[in-house]
């Protein structure tokens, strides 16, 4: 069965990476939630995609220049165009406390590709262990050294190599060589030959960001493991319609 992964929560309809978007993703019967983690000025793990707060909140500046208390005063409902009440940027601990009682896996993107936050892997894993979530998560990152470090700290957490729209030639070999269980490409980075090479090396694929029927049909034909989507309800209906 193709896994449905809610991209930043139910971000197609609700403010991304907020507790509201995560709750709505669960209500939509999504299999997994994808979210992003970074560190504040006082070294707290928070859930936000951009390295700056400008696009998704009413604030300005870098995540790393705010303390947790300061960043949680911002309104993270900006992307909702006034449709929703004020939303906070969640701490990762707040998310994990909630997720520990939910029937979903969490795909945690370590946002270390632009800002390398010291010890973010260890800090994130410490919180996961506190809430007994190690068996219900995976890591992904565009910074593959961050994945290597996470594996060294906690080998039982699977990891996925995120790549840009050009992908990686011989991606299956690459992931196998470095112990990455998953490959997370853009849909645009795949074709029949590349998919076969990845499958031949036993690597599973979660493909981003899939919001159209054409893409869904092709990915189903290719036998990918999961689709990362802004609209989990639509993707779930498609999978159910196939009887998968």
C-alpha atoms as a PDB file:
ATOM      1  CA  UNK A   1       0.000   0.000   0.000  1.00  0.00           C
ATOM      2  CA  UNK A   2       1.317   3.442  -0.931  1.00  0.00           C
ATOM      3  CA  UNK A   3       1.973   5.461   2.234  1.00  0.00           C
ATOM      4  CA  UNK A   4       0.432   8.931   2.484  1.00  0.00           C
ATOM      5  CA  UNK A   5       2.752  11.474   4.121  1.00  0.00           C
ATOM      6  CA  UNK A   6       1.254  14.841   5.107  1.00  0.00           C
ATOM      7  CA  UNK A   7       3.775  17.511   4.066  1.00  0.00           C
ATOM      8  CA  UNK A   8       4.260  19.918   6.991  1.00  0.00           C
ATOM      9  CA  UNK A   9       0.958  18.536   8.230  1.00  0.00           C
ATOM     10  CA  UNK A  10      -2.181  19.193   6.189  1.00  0.00           C
ATOM     11  CA  UNK A  11      -0.447  22.216   4.658  1.00  0.00           C
ATOM     12  CA  UNK A  12      -2.679  22.480   1.588  1.00  0.00           C
ATOM     13  CA  UNK A  13      -5.575  23.667   3.734  1.00  0.00           C
ATOM     14  CA  UNK A  14      -4.114  24.713   7.109  1.00  0.00           C
ATOM     15  CA  UNK A  15      -1.098  26.766   8.269  1.00  0.00           C
ATOM     16  CA  UNK A  16       1.958  24.581   7.762  1.00  0.00           C
ATOM     17  CA  UNK A  17       3.942  23.064  10.623  1.00  0.00           C
ATOM     18  CA  UNK A  18       1.372  24.048  13.255  1.00  0.00           C
ATOM     19  CA  UNK A  19      -0.416  21.816  15.703  1.00  0.00           C
ATOM     20  CA  UNK A  20      -3.629  22.561  13.782  1.00  0.00           C
ATOM     21  CA  UNK A  21      -2.137  21.220  10.544  1.00  0.00           C
ATOM     22  CA  UNK A  22      -0.881  18.103  12.342  1.00  0.00           C
ATOM     23  CA  UNK A  23      -4.241  17.453  14.015  1.00  0.00           C
ATOM     24  CA  UNK A  24      -6.062  17.843  10.697  1.00  0.00           C
ATOM     25  CA  UNK A  25      -3.623  15.428   9.044  1.00  0.00           C
ATOM     26  CA  UNK A  26      -4.488  12.781  11.623  1.00  0.00           C
ATOM     27  CA  UNK A  27      -8.203  13.446  11.102  1.00  0.00           C
ATOM     28  CA  UNK A  28      -7.598  12.872   7.376  1.00  0.00           C
ATOM     29  CA  UNK A  29      -6.253   9.376   8.182  1.00  0.00           C
ATOM     30  CA  UNK A  30      -2.771  10.151   6.924  1.00  0.00           C
ATOM     31  CA  UNK A  31      -0.145   7.477   7.566  1.00  0.00           C
ATOM     32  CA  UNK A  32       2.726   9.815   8.350  1.00  0.00           C
ATOM     33  CA  UNK A  33       3.405  13.455   9.150  1.00  0.00           C
ATOM     34  CA  UNK A  34       6.429  15.245   7.705  1.00  0.00           C
ATOM     35  CA  UNK A  35       7.802  18.226   9.631  1.00  0.00           C
ATOM     36  CA  UNK A  36      10.973  20.312   9.914  1.00  0.00           C
ATOM     37  CA  UNK A  37      13.142  21.046  12.942  1.00  0.00           C
ATOM     38  CA  UNK A  38      15.588  23.838  13.728  1.00  0.00           C
ATOM     39  CA  UNK A  39      17.161  25.334  16.853  1.00  0.00           C
ATOM     40  CA  UNK A  40      16.370  28.604  18.595  1.00  0.00           C
ATOM     41  CA  UNK A  41      18.890  31.005  20.111  1.00  0.00           C
ATOM     42  CA  UNK A  42      18.592  29.173  23.439  1.00  0.00           C
ATOM     43  CA  UNK A  43      19.127  25.789  21.716  1.00  0.00           C
ATOM     44  CA  UNK A  44      15.536  24.559  21.831  1.00  0.00           C
ATOM     45  CA  UNK A  45      14.208  22.338  19.016  1.00  0.00           C
ATOM     46  CA  UNK A  46      11.293  23.988  17.194  1.00  0.00           C
ATOM     47  CA  UNK A  47       9.106  22.988  14.259  1.00  0.00           C
ATOM     48  CA  UNK A  48       9.439  25.379  11.318  1.00  0.00           C
ATOM     49  CA  UNK A  49      10.499  24.989   7.684  1.00  0.00           C
ATOM     50  CA  UNK A  50      12.279  28.194   6.700  1.00  0.00           C
ATOM     51  CA  UNK A  51      15.470  29.424   8.329  1.00  0.00           C
ATOM     52  CA  UNK A  52      13.703  32.787   8.596  1.00  0.00           C
ATOM     53  CA  UNK A  53      10.303  33.404  10.153  1.00  0.00           C
ATOM     54  CA  UNK A  54       9.123  36.003   7.607  1.00  0.00           C
ATOM     55  CA  UNK A  55       7.108  33.816   5.201  1.00  0.00           C
ATOM     56  CA  UNK A  56       5.037  31.862   7.708  1.00  0.00           C
ATOM     57  CA  UNK A  57       4.684  34.269  10.646  1.00  0.00           C
ATOM     58  CA  UNK A  58       4.120  37.939  11.445  1.00  0.00           C
ATOM     59  CA  UNK A  59       7.747  38.253  12.531  1.00  0.00           C
ATOM     60  CA  UNK A  60      11.018  38.924  10.729  1.00  0.00           C
ATOM     61  CA  UNK A  61      14.501  37.486  11.054  1.00  0.00           C
ATOM     62  CA  UNK A  62      16.278  34.196  11.583  1.00  0.00           C
ATOM     63  CA  UNK A  63      14.959  31.350  13.692  1.00  0.00           C
ATOM     64  CA  UNK A  64      18.371  31.119  15.352  1.00  0.00           C
ATOM     65  CA  UNK A  65      18.084  34.718  16.616  1.00  0.00           C
ATOM     66  CA  UNK A  66      14.911  34.072  18.649  1.00  0.00           C
ATOM     67  CA  UNK A  67      14.639  32.339  22.010  1.00  0.00           C
ATOM     68  CA  UNK A  68      11.870  29.756  22.343  1.00  0.00           C
ATOM     69  CA  UNK A  69       9.795  32.179  24.413  1.00  0.00           C
ATOM     70  CA  UNK A  70      10.235  34.917  21.805  1.00  0.00           C
ATOM     71  CA  UNK A  71       9.505  32.758  18.767  1.00  0.00           C
ATOM     72  CA  UNK A  72       6.335  31.384  20.331  1.00  0.00           C
ATOM     73  CA  UNK A  73       4.925  34.899  20.590  1.00  0.00           C
ATOM     74  CA  UNK A  74       4.776  35.034  16.776  1.00  0.00           C
ATOM     75  CA  UNK A  75       1.611  34.186  14.862  1.00  0.00           C
ATOM     76  CA  UNK A  76       2.302  31.229  12.568  1.00  0.00           C
ATOM     77  CA  UNK A  77      -1.072  31.405  10.782  1.00  0.00           C
ATOM     78  CA  UNK A  78       0.165  33.923   8.170  1.00  0.00           C
ATOM     79  CA  UNK A  79      -0.084  31.441   5.286  1.00  0.00           C
ATOM     80  CA  UNK A  80      -3.776  30.983   6.077  1.00  0.00           C
ATOM     81  CA  UNK A  81      -4.592  34.496   4.807  1.00  0.00           C
ATOM     82  CA  UNK A  82      -6.655  35.374   7.847  1.00  0.00           C
ATOM     83  CA  UNK A  83      -8.830  32.249   7.731  1.00  0.00           C
ATOM     84  CA  UNK A  84      -7.517  30.833  11.009  1.00  0.00           C
ATOM     85  CA  UNK A  85      -7.013  31.957  14.565  1.00  0.00           C
ATOM     86  CA  UNK A  86      -3.495  32.676  15.756  1.00  0.00           C
ATOM     87  CA  UNK A  87      -1.172  29.657  15.705  1.00  0.00           C
ATOM     88  CA  UNK A  88       2.143  29.175  17.514  1.00  0.00           C
ATOM     89  CA  UNK A  89       5.350  27.719  16.215  1.00  0.00           C
ATOM     90  CA  UNK A  90       5.388  24.429  18.137  1.00  0.00           C
ATOM     91  CA  UNK A  91       8.343  23.269  20.119  1.00  0.00           C
ATOM     92  CA  UNK A  92       9.388  19.776  19.036  1.00  0.00           C
ATOM     93  CA  UNK A  93       8.727  18.590  22.563  1.00  0.00           C
ATOM     94  CA  UNK A  94       5.134  19.844  22.351  1.00  0.00           C
ATOM     95  CA  UNK A  95       4.707  17.953  19.082  1.00  0.00           C
ATOM     96  CA  UNK A  96       6.199  14.748  20.501  1.00  0.00           C
ATOM     97  CA  UNK A  97       4.026  14.834  23.598  1.00  0.00           C
ATOM     98  CA  UNK A  98       0.989  15.000  21.301  1.00  0.00           C
ATOM     99  CA  UNK A  99       2.324  12.488  18.737  1.00  0.00           C
ATOM    100  CA  UNK A 100       3.042   9.891  21.410  1.00  0.00           C
ATOM    101  CA  UNK A 101      -0.708   9.269  21.551  1.00  0.00           C
ATOM    102  CA  UNK A 102      -1.388   9.357  17.804  1.00  0.00           C
ATOM    103  CA  UNK A 103      -1.397   6.505  15.237  1.00  0.00           C
ATOM    104  CA  UNK A 104       1.097   8.135  12.881  1.00  0.00           C
ATOM    105  CA  UNK A 105       4.764   7.881  11.989  1.00  0.00           C
ATOM    106  CA  UNK A 106       6.720  11.153  11.899  1.00  0.00           C
ATOM    107  CA  UNK A 107       9.212  12.027   9.162  1.00  0.00           C
ATOM    108  CA  UNK A 108      11.527  14.584  10.757  1.00  0.00           C
ATOM    109  CA  UNK A 109      13.495  16.751   8.352  1.00  0.00           C
ATOM    110  CA  UNK A 110      16.694  18.007   9.948  1.00  0.00           C
ATOM    111  CA  UNK A 111      17.062  21.537   8.540  1.00  0.00           C
ATOM    112  CA  UNK A 112      20.840  21.602   8.503  1.00  0.00           C
ATOM    113  CA  UNK A 113      21.448  22.280   4.810  1.00  0.00           C
ATOM    114  CA  UNK A 114      21.854  26.056   5.197  1.00  0.00           C
ATOM    115  CA  UNK A 115      22.422  26.543   8.936  1.00  0.00           C
ATOM    116  CA  UNK A 116      24.235  23.715  10.682  1.00  0.00           C
ATOM    117  CA  UNK A 117      22.790  23.802  14.173  1.00  0.00           C
ATOM    118  CA  UNK A 118      25.235  22.328  16.709  1.00  0.00           C
ATOM    119  CA  UNK A 119      24.044  19.029  18.185  1.00  0.00           C
ATOM    120  CA  UNK A 120      20.547  19.252  16.670  1.00  0.00           C
ATOM    121  CA  UNK A 121      20.594  15.513  15.949  1.00  0.00           C
ATOM    122  CA  UNK A 122      21.354  14.632  19.573  1.00  0.00           C
ATOM    123  CA  UNK A 123      18.841  17.140  20.949  1.00  0.00           C
ATOM    124  CA  UNK A 124      16.113  15.810  18.664  1.00  0.00           C
ATOM    125  CA  UNK A 125      16.840  12.188  19.540  1.00  0.00           C
ATOM    126  CA  UNK A 126      16.851  13.000  23.268  1.00  0.00           C
ATOM    127  CA  UNK A 127      13.279  14.300  22.949  1.00  0.00           C
ATOM    128  CA  UNK A 128      12.211  11.273  20.917  1.00  0.00           C
ATOM    129  CA  UNK A 129      13.587   8.956  23.578  1.00  0.00           C
ATOM    130  CA  UNK A 130      11.832  10.915  26.329  1.00  0.00           C
ATOM    131  CA  UNK A 131       8.463  10.304  24.649  1.00  0.00           C
ATOM    132  CA  UNK A 132       9.302   6.747  23.516  1.00  0.00           C
ATOM    133  CA  UNK A 133       8.918   7.645  19.835  1.00  0.00           C
ATOM    134  CA  UNK A 134      12.116   6.123  18.443  1.00  0.00           C
ATOM    135  CA  UNK A 135      10.131   3.308  16.829  1.00  0.00           C
ATOM    136  CA  UNK A 136       7.626   5.705  15.212  1.00  0.00           C
ATOM    137  CA  UNK A 137       9.918   8.123  13.379  1.00  0.00           C
ATOM    138  CA  UNK A 138      12.429   8.540  10.591  1.00  0.00           C
ATOM    139  CA  UNK A 139      14.886  11.291   9.707  1.00  0.00           C
ATOM    140  CA  UNK A 140      15.427  13.023   6.384  1.00  0.00           C
ATOM    141  CA  UNK A 141      17.718  15.853   5.341  1.00  0.00           C
ATOM    142  CA  UNK A 142      19.332  17.545   2.378  1.00  0.00           C
ATOM    143  CA  UNK A 143      22.510  17.515   4.470  1.00  0.00           C
ATOM    144  CA  UNK A 144      23.383  13.837   4.287  1.00  0.00           C
ATOM    145  CA  UNK A 145      26.175  14.195   6.856  1.00  0.00           C
ATOM    146  CA  UNK A 146      23.429  15.064   9.319  1.00  0.00           C
ATOM    147  CA  UNK A 147      21.852  11.689   8.544  1.00  0.00           C
ATOM    148  CA  UNK A 148      25.169   9.925   9.084  1.00  0.00           C
ATOM    149  CA  UNK A 149      25.480  11.626  12.473  1.00  0.00           C
ATOM    150  CA  UNK A 150      21.916  10.703  13.436  1.00  0.00           C
ATOM    151  CA  UNK A 151      22.639   7.073  12.509  1.00  0.00           C
ATOM    152  CA  UNK A 152      25.738   7.066  14.691  1.00  0.00           C
ATOM    153  CA  UNK A 153      23.708   8.329  17.654  1.00  0.00           C
ATOM    154  CA  UNK A 154      20.648   6.111  17.156  1.00  0.00           C
ATOM    155  CA  UNK A 155      21.137   3.402  14.497  1.00  0.00           C
ATOM    156  CA  UNK A 156      17.589   2.062  14.835  1.00  0.00           C
ATOM    157  CA  UNK A 157      16.010   5.232  13.400  1.00  0.00           C
ATOM    158  CA  UNK A 158      15.765   4.907   9.591  1.00  0.00           C
ATOM    159  CA  UNK A 159      16.915   7.828   7.446  1.00  0.00           C
ATOM    160  CA  UNK A 160      16.103   9.181   4.006  1.00  0.00           C
ATOM    161  CA  UNK A 161      18.379  11.147   1.691  1.00  0.00           C
ATOM    162  CA  UNK A 162      16.512  14.228   0.493  1.00  0.00           C
ATOM    163  CA  UNK A 163      17.657  15.505  -2.901  1.00  0.00           C
ATOM    164  CA  UNK A 164      16.799  18.399  -5.192  1.00  0.00           C
ATOM    165  CA  UNK A 165      14.998  18.294  -8.500  1.00  0.00           C
ATOM    166  CA  UNK A 166      17.999  16.863 -10.362  1.00  0.00           C
ATOM    167  CA  UNK A 167      18.318  13.916  -7.998  1.00  0.00           C
ATOM    168  CA  UNK A 168      21.443  11.740  -7.816  1.00  0.00           C
ATOM    169  CA  UNK A 169      22.710   9.393 -10.526  1.00  0.00           C
ATOM    170  CA  UNK A 170      23.049   5.860  -9.076  1.00  0.00           C
ATOM    171  CA  UNK A 171      20.926   6.903  -6.099  1.00  0.00           C
ATOM    172  CA  UNK A 172      20.212   3.325  -5.071  1.00  0.00           C
ATOM    173  CA  UNK A 173      23.906   2.466  -4.901  1.00  0.00           C
ATOM    174  CA  UNK A 174      24.588   5.705  -3.019  1.00  0.00           C
ATOM    175  CA  UNK A 175      21.929   5.097  -0.357  1.00  0.00           C
ATOM    176  CA  UNK A 176      22.936   1.468   0.077  1.00  0.00           C
ATOM    177  CA  UNK A 177      26.619   2.373   0.446  1.00  0.00           C
ATOM    178  CA  UNK A 178      25.985   4.897   3.208  1.00  0.00           C
ATOM    179  CA  UNK A 179      23.278   2.996   5.062  1.00  0.00           C
ATOM    180  CA  UNK A 180      20.296   5.149   4.092  1.00  0.00           C
ATOM    181  CA  UNK A 181      17.130   3.061   4.007  1.00  0.00           C
ATOM    182  CA  UNK A 182      15.170   5.682   2.075  1.00  0.00           C
ATOM    183  CA  UNK A 183      15.619   8.006  -0.902  1.00  0.00           C
ATOM    184  CA  UNK A 184      13.460  11.153  -0.999  1.00  0.00           C
ATOM    185  CA  UNK A 185      13.535  12.686  -4.484  1.00  0.00           C
ATOM    186  CA  UNK A 186      11.331  15.177  -6.242  1.00  0.00           C
ATOM    187  CA  UNK A 187       8.905  13.564  -8.675  1.00  0.00           C
ATOM    188  CA  UNK A 188      10.772  15.458 -11.412  1.00  0.00           C
ATOM    189  CA  UNK A 189      13.993  13.593 -10.590  1.00  0.00           C
ATOM    190  CA  UNK A 190      12.611  10.166 -11.523  1.00  0.00           C
ATOM    191  CA  UNK A 191      12.193   8.099 -14.655  1.00  0.00           C
ATOM    192  CA  UNK A 192      11.809   4.368 -15.338  1.00  0.00           C
ATOM    193  CA  UNK A 193      15.552   3.686 -15.393  1.00  0.00           C
ATOM    194  CA  UNK A 194      16.279   5.580 -12.163  1.00  0.00           C
ATOM    195  CA  UNK A 195      13.386   3.939 -10.349  1.00  0.00           C
ATOM    196  CA  UNK A 196      14.607   0.481 -11.376  1.00  0.00           C
ATOM    197  CA  UNK A 197      18.134   1.204 -10.134  1.00  0.00           C
ATOM    198  CA  UNK A 198      16.772   2.334  -6.771  1.00  0.00           C
ATOM    199  CA  UNK A 199      14.498  -0.700  -6.442  1.00  0.00           C
ATOM    200  CA  UNK A 200      17.351  -3.024  -7.440  1.00  0.00           C
ATOM    201  CA  UNK A 201      19.338  -1.842  -4.413  1.00  0.00           C
ATOM    202  CA  UNK A 202      16.429  -2.400  -2.023  1.00  0.00           C
ATOM    203  CA  UNK A 203      15.967   1.291  -1.261  1.00  0.00           C
ATOM    204  CA  UNK A 204      12.495   2.634  -0.471  1.00  0.00           C
ATOM    205  CA  UNK A 205      11.257   5.919  -1.938  1.00  0.00           C
ATOM    206  CA  UNK A 206       9.118   8.701  -0.502  1.00  0.00           C
ATOM    207  CA  UNK A 207       8.557  11.256  -3.258  1.00  0.00           C
ATOM    208  CA  UNK A 208       7.885  14.976  -2.765  1.00  0.00           C
ATOM    209  CA  UNK A 209       5.713  17.071  -3.216  1.00  0.00           C
ATOM    210  CA  UNK A 210       2.888  15.164  -4.926  1.00  0.00           C
ATOM    211  CA  UNK A 211      -0.429  16.988  -5.400  1.00  0.00           C
ATOM    212  CA  UNK A 212      -1.643  15.904  -8.859  1.00  0.00           C
ATOM    213  CA  UNK A 213      -3.378  12.834 -10.256  1.00  0.00           C
ATOM    214  CA  UNK A 214      -0.869  12.351 -13.066  1.00  0.00           C
ATOM    215  CA  UNK A 215       1.992  12.137 -10.581  1.00  0.00           C
ATOM    216  CA  UNK A 216       0.042   9.821  -8.274  1.00  0.00           C
ATOM    217  CA  UNK A 217      -0.765   7.392 -11.065  1.00  0.00           C
ATOM    218  CA  UNK A 218       2.830   7.218 -12.262  1.00  0.00           C
ATOM    219  CA  UNK A 219       4.200   6.764  -8.740  1.00  0.00           C
ATOM    220  CA  UNK A 220       1.712   3.995  -8.079  1.00  0.00           C
ATOM    221  CA  UNK A 221       2.836   2.265 -11.278  1.00  0.00           C
ATOM    222  CA  UNK A 222       6.464   2.628 -10.217  1.00  0.00           C
ATOM    223  CA  UNK A 223       5.682   1.046  -6.853  1.00  0.00           C
ATOM    224  CA  UNK A 224       7.089   3.836  -4.690  1.00  0.00           C
ATOM    225  CA  UNK A 225       6.740   3.404  -0.963  1.00  0.00           C
ATOM    226  CA  UNK A 226       5.167   6.788  -0.184  1.00  0.00           C
ATOM    227  CA  UNK A 227       3.997  10.171  -1.445  1.00  0.00           C
ATOM    228  CA  UNK A 228       4.652  13.396   0.442  1.00  0.00           C
ATOM    229  CA  UNK A 229       1.670  15.653  -0.227  1.00  0.00           C
ATOM    230  CA  UNK A 230       0.009  18.898   0.837  1.00  0.00           C
ATOM    231  CA  UNK A 231      -3.411  17.255   0.350  1.00  0.00           C
ATOM    232  CA  UNK A 232      -3.505  13.926   2.211  1.00  0.00           C
ATOM    233  CA  UNK A 233      -7.280  13.539   1.849  1.00  0.00           C
ATOM    234  CA  UNK A 234      -7.031  13.588  -1.951  1.00  0.00           C
ATOM    235  CA  UNK A 235      -4.184  11.079  -1.996  1.00  0.00           C
ATOM    236  CA  UNK A 236      -5.931   8.820   0.502  1.00  0.00           C
ATOM    237  CA  UNK A 237      -9.077   8.794  -1.658  1.00  0.00           C
ATOM    238  CA  UNK A 238      -6.985   7.849  -4.699  1.00  0.00           C
ATOM    239  CA  UNK A 239      -5.322   4.935  -2.912  1.00  0.00           C
ATOM    240  CA  UNK A 240      -8.660   3.711  -1.564  1.00  0.00           C
ATOM    241  CA  UNK A 241     -10.142   3.943  -5.041  1.00  0.00           C
ATOM    242  CA  UNK A 242      -7.444   1.587  -6.331  1.00  0.00           C
ATOM    243  CA  UNK A 243      -8.275  -0.843  -3.562  1.00  0.00           C
ATOM    244  CA  UNK A 244      -4.695  -0.710  -2.306  1.00  0.00           C
END
